C-alpha atoms as a PDB file:
ATOM      1  CA  MET A   1      -2.560  -4.209  10.408  1.00  0.00           C
ATOM      2  CA  SER A   2      -4.529  -7.209   9.241  1.00  0.00           C
ATOM      3  CA  THR A   3      -3.490 -10.717  10.180  1.00  0.00           C
ATOM      4  CA  GLU A   4      -5.808 -12.326   7.626  1.00  0.00           C
ATOM      5  CA  SER A   5      -4.347 -14.693   5.032  1.00  0.00           C
ATOM      6  CA  TYR A   6      -4.063 -13.163   1.573  1.00  0.00           C
ATOM      7  CA  GLY A   7      -2.853 -13.652  -1.974  1.00  0.00           C
ATOM      8  CA  ILE A   8      -3.149 -16.722  -4.157  1.00  0.00           C
ATOM      9  CA  ASP A   9      -0.674 -19.597  -4.390  1.00  0.00           C
ATOM     10  CA  PRO A  10       0.364 -19.199  -8.051  1.00  0.00           C
ATOM     11  CA  LEU A  11       0.926 -22.927  -8.568  1.00  0.00           C
ATOM     12  CA  PHE A  12      -2.782 -23.521  -7.956  1.00  0.00           C
ATOM     13  CA  ARG A  13      -4.223 -20.479  -9.789  1.00  0.00           C
ATOM     14  CA  PRO A  14      -5.567 -21.637 -13.162  1.00  0.00           C
ATOM     15  CA  PRO A  15      -5.013 -19.216 -16.060  1.00  0.00           C
ATOM     16  CA  VAL A  16      -7.926 -17.066 -17.177  1.00  0.00           C
ATOM     17  CA  GLN A  17      -9.353 -18.482 -20.409  1.00  0.00           C
ATOM     18  CA  GLY A  18      -8.576 -16.305 -23.410  1.00  0.00           C
ATOM     19  CA  ALA A  19      -6.381 -13.876 -21.455  1.00  0.00           C
ATOM     20  CA  GLY A  20      -3.134 -15.213 -22.894  1.00  0.00           C
ATOM     21  CA  GLU A  21      -1.418 -14.649 -19.560  1.00  0.00           C
ATOM     22  CA  GLU A  22       1.773 -16.391 -18.522  1.00  0.00           C
ATOM     23  CA  THR A  23       1.229 -18.306 -15.280  1.00  0.00           C
ATOM     24  CA  MET A  24       3.004 -20.644 -12.891  1.00  0.00           C
ATOM     25  CA  TYR A  25      -0.056 -22.924 -12.721  1.00  0.00           C
ATOM     26  CA  ASP A  26       0.701 -26.650 -12.435  1.00  0.00           C
ATOM     27  CA  GLY A  27      -2.297 -28.810 -13.287  1.00  0.00           C
ATOM     28  CA  ASP A  28      -0.613 -31.927 -11.899  1.00  0.00           C
ATOM     29  CA  LEU A  29      -0.232 -30.268  -8.504  1.00  0.00           C
ATOM     30  CA  PHE A  30      -3.771 -28.888  -8.624  1.00  0.00           C
ATOM     31  CA  ASP A  31      -5.119 -32.432  -8.527  1.00  0.00           C
ATOM     32  CA  ARG A  32      -3.054 -33.042  -5.347  1.00  0.00           C
ATOM     33  CA  MET A  33      -3.798 -29.747  -3.581  1.00  0.00           C
ATOM     34  CA  ASP A  34      -5.033 -31.568  -0.481  1.00  0.00           C
ATOM     35  CA  GLN A  35      -1.481 -32.885   0.068  1.00  0.00           C
ATOM     36  CA  PHE A  36      -0.279 -29.309   0.612  1.00  0.00           C
ATOM     37  CA  TYR A  37      -3.307 -27.488   2.049  1.00  0.00           C
ATOM     38  CA  ASN A  38      -6.283 -28.210   4.270  1.00  0.00           C
ATOM     39  CA  THR A  39      -9.010 -28.102   1.619  1.00  0.00           C
ATOM     40  CA  THR A  40     -11.869 -28.992   3.956  1.00  0.00           C
ATOM     41  CA  SER A  41     -14.855 -26.678   3.499  1.00  0.00           C
ATOM     42  CA  GLY A  42     -14.315 -23.591   5.656  1.00  0.00           C
ATOM     43  CA  ALA A  43     -10.610 -24.337   6.233  1.00  0.00           C
ATOM     44  CA  PRO A  44      -8.377 -21.267   6.750  1.00  0.00           C
ATOM     45  CA  ASP A  45      -5.876 -22.433   4.076  1.00  0.00           C
ATOM     46  CA  VAL A  46      -8.140 -21.779   1.089  1.00  0.00           C
ATOM     47  CA  LYS A  47     -10.237 -18.913  -0.234  1.00  0.00           C
ATOM     48  CA  ALA A  48     -13.997 -19.284  -0.685  1.00  0.00           C
ATOM     49  CA  THR A  49     -13.228 -20.079  -4.352  1.00  0.00           C
ATOM     50  CA  GLY A  50     -11.180 -23.123  -3.292  1.00  0.00           C
ATOM     51  CA  VAL A  51      -7.817 -21.659  -4.362  1.00  0.00           C
ATOM     52  CA  PRO A  52      -5.231 -21.658  -1.546  1.00  0.00           C
ATOM     53  CA  PHE A  53      -3.913 -18.467  -0.019  1.00  0.00           C
ATOM     54  CA  ALA A  54      -0.244 -17.649  -0.643  1.00  0.00           C
ATOM     55  CA  PHE A  55       0.544 -15.877   2.612  1.00  0.00           C
ATOM     56  CA  PHE A  56      -0.324 -16.483   6.226  1.00  0.00           C
ATOM     57  CA  HIS A  57       0.358 -14.205   9.169  1.00  0.00           C
ATOM     58  CA  ARG A  58       3.449 -14.813  11.234  1.00  0.00           C
ATOM     59  CA  LYS A  59       5.966 -12.564  12.941  1.00  0.00           C
ATOM     60  CA  VAL A  60       9.129 -11.876  10.939  1.00  0.00           C
ATOM     61  CA  ARG A  61      12.240  -9.823  11.486  1.00  0.00           C
ATOM     62  CA  GLY A  62      13.093  -7.581   8.583  1.00  0.00           C
ATOM     63  CA  LEU A  63      12.339  -7.883   4.904  1.00  0.00           C
ATOM     64  CA  LEU A  64      14.291  -9.655   2.193  1.00  0.00           C
ATOM     65  CA  ARG A  65      15.310  -7.327  -0.618  1.00  0.00           C
ATOM     66  CA  THR A  66      17.628  -7.894  -3.510  1.00  0.00           C
ATOM     67  CA  SER A  67      18.820  -5.885  -6.458  1.00  0.00           C
ATOM     68  CA  SER A  68      20.875  -8.699  -7.918  1.00  0.00           C
ATOM     69  CA  LEU A  69      18.101 -10.175 -10.071  1.00  0.00           C
ATOM     70  CA  SER A  70      18.335  -9.660 -13.796  1.00  0.00           C
ATOM     71  CA  GLY A  71      17.013 -11.262 -16.947  1.00  0.00           C
ATOM     72  CA  ALA A  72      15.077 -14.516 -16.532  1.00  0.00           C
ATOM     73  CA  PRO A  73      15.221 -14.602 -12.697  1.00  0.00           C
ATOM     74  CA  ALA A  74      13.791 -11.074 -12.530  1.00  0.00           C
ATOM     75  CA  LYS A  75      11.015 -12.041 -14.934  1.00  0.00           C
ATOM     76  CA  THR A  76      10.178 -15.090 -12.804  1.00  0.00           C
ATOM     77  CA  TRP A  77      10.106 -12.927  -9.649  1.00  0.00           C
ATOM     78  CA  CYS A  78       7.744 -10.415 -11.298  1.00  0.00           C
ATOM     79  CA  LEU A  79       5.514 -13.230 -12.550  1.00  0.00           C
ATOM     80  CA  LEU A  80       5.379 -14.680  -9.034  1.00  0.00           C
ATOM     81  CA  ILE A  81       4.474 -11.329  -7.437  1.00  0.00           C
ATOM     82  CA  HIS A  82       1.695 -10.814  -9.995  1.00  0.00           C
ATOM     83  CA  ALA A  83       0.372 -14.389  -9.926  1.00  0.00           C
ATOM     84  CA  GLU A  84       0.162 -14.672  -6.170  1.00  0.00           C
ATOM     85  CA  ALA A  85      -1.695 -11.355  -5.903  1.00  0.00           C
ATOM     86  CA  SER A  86       0.527 -10.344  -3.008  1.00  0.00           C
ATOM     87  CA  LEU A  87       0.348  -6.642  -3.783  1.00  0.00           C
ATOM     88  CA  ASP A  88      -2.821  -4.649  -3.925  1.00  0.00           C
ATOM     89  CA  ARG A  89      -3.406  -1.307  -5.632  1.00  0.00           C
ATOM     90  CA  TYR A  90      -2.735   0.652  -2.453  1.00  0.00           C
END
């Protein structure tokens, strides 16, 4: 199992031009990214592209699951999972 950081923090992932995708990107926060992440060159908080990772390794007990989401909250959850690139194709 890898302990490398992965995913993309969706608040700092700019939308792809012309893709018409719905995102959680917040341009106001993007300009203040250094208040939330170590953005120094080579820092472990950000990808080589400068966008911060969403997930960092730490030990956890169990996994949160819920089937009570419906409508708008479920849509937001799905958007978050997609935007943060937390799932790969495997």
